[in-house]
Amino acid sequence: MRPSTQRRKRPVSKFFLVAAIGLGLGLSVSGAANADPKQVFDFYCAQCHGEKGDGKGVNVTKDFATDPRNFTNKEDMEKRSDEDIRAVIKDGGPAISKSPLMPPWGNTLSAAEVEELLGYVRKLCNCKAKGK
């Protein structure tokens, strides 16, 4: 009778193992969204914009129709209004007639995270929008 008892316990323990792994993965993804702005940038933006924000991310290939924005280019970034940057983060590149390769994050990031990310982008260029 013992073998049948052990067989019953295994599926239950496997269930808890799978559930624990699933919960752990869920927490790691949602935890990234609640992290500091650099962690949010690294998680959502660095693949294209690069870890330094220089537009040289690991996902960028020569086949890209346009290069991702270089956030470290102070002269260029000063021309970008906070409203435009906010719109691109929330609604993607097409929101301001830019590349459709820039995805919208408005349904993923909270309004506070968008504002923190905007501040982080401004920190990368060490600039503010002209006239601000």
Protein backbone atom coordinates (compact mmCIF):
# COMPACT_ATOMS: atom_id res chain seq x y z
CA MET A 1 0.00 0.00 0.00
CA ARG A 2 2.83 2.38 0.54
CA PRO A 3 3.68 2.86 -3.16
CA SER A 4 0.16 4.14 -3.89
CA THR A 5 0.44 6.66 -1.03
CA GLN A 6 3.69 8.00 -2.42
CA ARG A 7 2.20 8.33 -5.88
CA ARG A 8 -0.56 10.52 -4.56
CA LYS A 9 1.88 12.89 -2.90
CA ARG A 10 4.02 13.41 -5.98
CA PRO A 11 1.42 15.16 -8.15
CA VAL A 12 0.55 17.48 -5.27
CA SER A 13 4.19 18.37 -4.65
CA LYS A 14 4.71 18.91 -8.40
CA PHE A 15 1.67 21.18 -8.43
CA PHE A 16 3.11 23.29 -5.62
CA LEU A 17 6.50 23.42 -7.34
CA VAL A 18 4.95 24.60 -10.61
CA ALA A 19 2.74 27.11 -8.75
CA ALA A 20 5.71 28.48 -6.81
CA ILE A 21 7.76 28.90 -9.97
CA GLY A 22 4.83 30.59 -11.70
CA LEU A 23 4.33 32.99 -8.82
CA GLY A 24 8.03 33.75 -8.73
CA LEU A 25 8.08 34.59 -12.43
CA GLY A 26 5.01 36.77 -12.06
CA LEU A 27 6.57 38.68 -9.19
CA SER A 28 9.81 39.24 -11.06
CA VAL A 29 8.03 40.77 -14.06
CA SER A 30 5.63 42.93 -12.06
CA GLY A 31 8.46 43.86 -9.72
CA ALA A 32 10.37 45.37 -12.64
CA ALA A 33 7.47 47.71 -13.34
CA ASN A 34 7.52 48.97 -9.73
CA ALA A 35 11.28 49.44 -9.62
CA ASP A 36 13.35 52.61 -9.78
CA PRO A 37 13.46 54.41 -13.17
CA LYS A 38 16.80 52.88 -14.22
CA GLN A 39 15.45 49.38 -13.64
CA VAL A 40 12.31 50.23 -15.62
CA PHE A 41 14.50 51.63 -18.42
CA ASP A 42 16.74 48.56 -18.38
CA PHE A 43 13.74 46.23 -18.49
CA TYR A 44 11.62 47.96 -21.15
CA CYS A 45 13.88 50.32 -23.12
CA ALA A 46 17.52 49.22 -23.10
CA GLN A 47 17.02 46.43 -25.65
CA CYS A 48 16.70 49.09 -28.35
CA HIS A 49 17.96 52.31 -26.78
CA GLY A 50 20.98 50.66 -25.13
CA GLU A 51 21.97 50.43 -21.47
CA LYS A 52 23.50 53.91 -21.69
CA GLY A 53 20.60 55.31 -23.71
CA ASP A 54 22.85 55.83 -26.73
CA GLY A 55 20.55 54.03 -29.20
CA LYS A 56 22.84 51.01 -29.45
CA GLY A 57 20.71 48.30 -27.89
CA VAL A 58 21.23 44.59 -28.40
CA ASN A 59 18.05 44.27 -30.49
CA VAL A 60 19.11 46.91 -33.02
CA THR A 61 20.16 45.51 -36.37
CA LYS A 62 21.16 47.08 -39.66
CA ASP A 63 17.69 46.12 -40.90
CA PHE A 64 15.99 48.69 -38.64
CA ALA A 65 14.23 51.31 -40.76
CA THR A 66 15.45 53.97 -38.33
CA ASP A 67 17.88 54.06 -35.43
CA PRO A 68 16.42 54.23 -31.93
CA ARG A 69 16.63 57.66 -30.30
CA ASN A 70 20.01 58.46 -28.74
CA PHE A 71 19.02 59.90 -25.37
CA THR A 72 22.60 60.99 -24.66
CA ASN A 73 22.57 63.51 -27.53
CA LYS A 74 21.90 66.69 -25.55
CA GLU A 75 21.42 68.95 -28.58
CA ASP A 76 18.81 66.66 -30.12
CA MET A 77 17.04 65.89 -26.85
CA GLU A 78 16.67 69.57 -25.93
CA LYS A 79 14.47 69.90 -29.03
CA ARG A 80 12.11 67.21 -27.72
CA SER A 81 9.31 68.44 -25.48
CA ASP A 82 8.40 66.54 -22.34
CA GLU A 83 4.91 66.17 -23.81
CA ASP A 84 6.29 64.45 -26.92
CA ILE A 85 8.52 62.12 -24.91
CA ARG A 86 5.62 61.29 -22.59
CA ALA A 87 3.37 60.60 -25.61
CA VAL A 88 5.94 58.28 -27.20
CA ILE A 89 6.43 56.34 -23.96
CA LYS A 90 2.67 55.94 -23.49
CA ASP A 91 1.44 55.58 -27.09
CA GLY A 92 4.51 54.53 -29.11
CA GLY A 93 6.36 56.19 -31.97
CA PRO A 94 3.33 56.75 -34.19
CA ALA A 95 1.87 59.06 -31.51
CA ILE A 96 4.18 61.80 -32.80
CA SER A 97 4.67 60.50 -36.36
CA LYS A 98 7.80 58.52 -35.49
CA SER A 99 8.77 54.89 -35.98
CA PRO A 100 6.16 52.20 -35.39
CA LEU A 101 9.01 50.07 -34.02
CA MET A 102 8.73 52.08 -30.79
CA PRO A 103 6.00 50.23 -28.88
CA PRO A 104 3.41 51.84 -26.61
CA TRP A 105 3.91 51.27 -22.88
CA GLY A 106 0.83 53.14 -21.61
CA ASN A 107 -1.02 49.94 -20.71
CA THR A 108 2.06 48.47 -19.05
CA LEU A 109 3.49 51.35 -17.03
CA SER A 110 1.61 53.45 -14.50
CA ALA A 111 1.37 57.22 -14.95
CA ALA A 112 3.92 57.63 -12.15
CA GLU A 113 6.34 55.22 -13.86
CA VAL A 114 5.96 57.12 -17.15
CA GLU A 115 6.86 60.36 -15.35
CA GLU A 116 9.84 58.74 -13.63
CA LEU A 117 11.00 57.28 -16.94
CA LEU A 118 10.69 60.72 -18.56
CA GLY A 119 12.87 62.12 -15.78
CA TYR A 120 15.40 59.33 -16.31
CA VAL A 121 15.57 60.05 -20.06
CA ARG A 122 16.21 63.73 -19.26
CA LYS A 123 18.94 62.64 -16.87
CA LEU A 124 20.61 60.62 -19.65
CA CYS A 125 20.92 63.71 -21.85
CA ASN A 126 21.59 66.02 -18.90
CA CYS A 127 19.11 68.43 -20.43
CA LYS A 128 15.66 69.93 -20.27
CA ALA A 129 13.36 70.81 -23.11
CA LYS A 130 14.24 74.24 -24.53
CA GLY A 131 12.20 77.00 -22.94
CA LYS A 132 11.55 74.92 -19.83
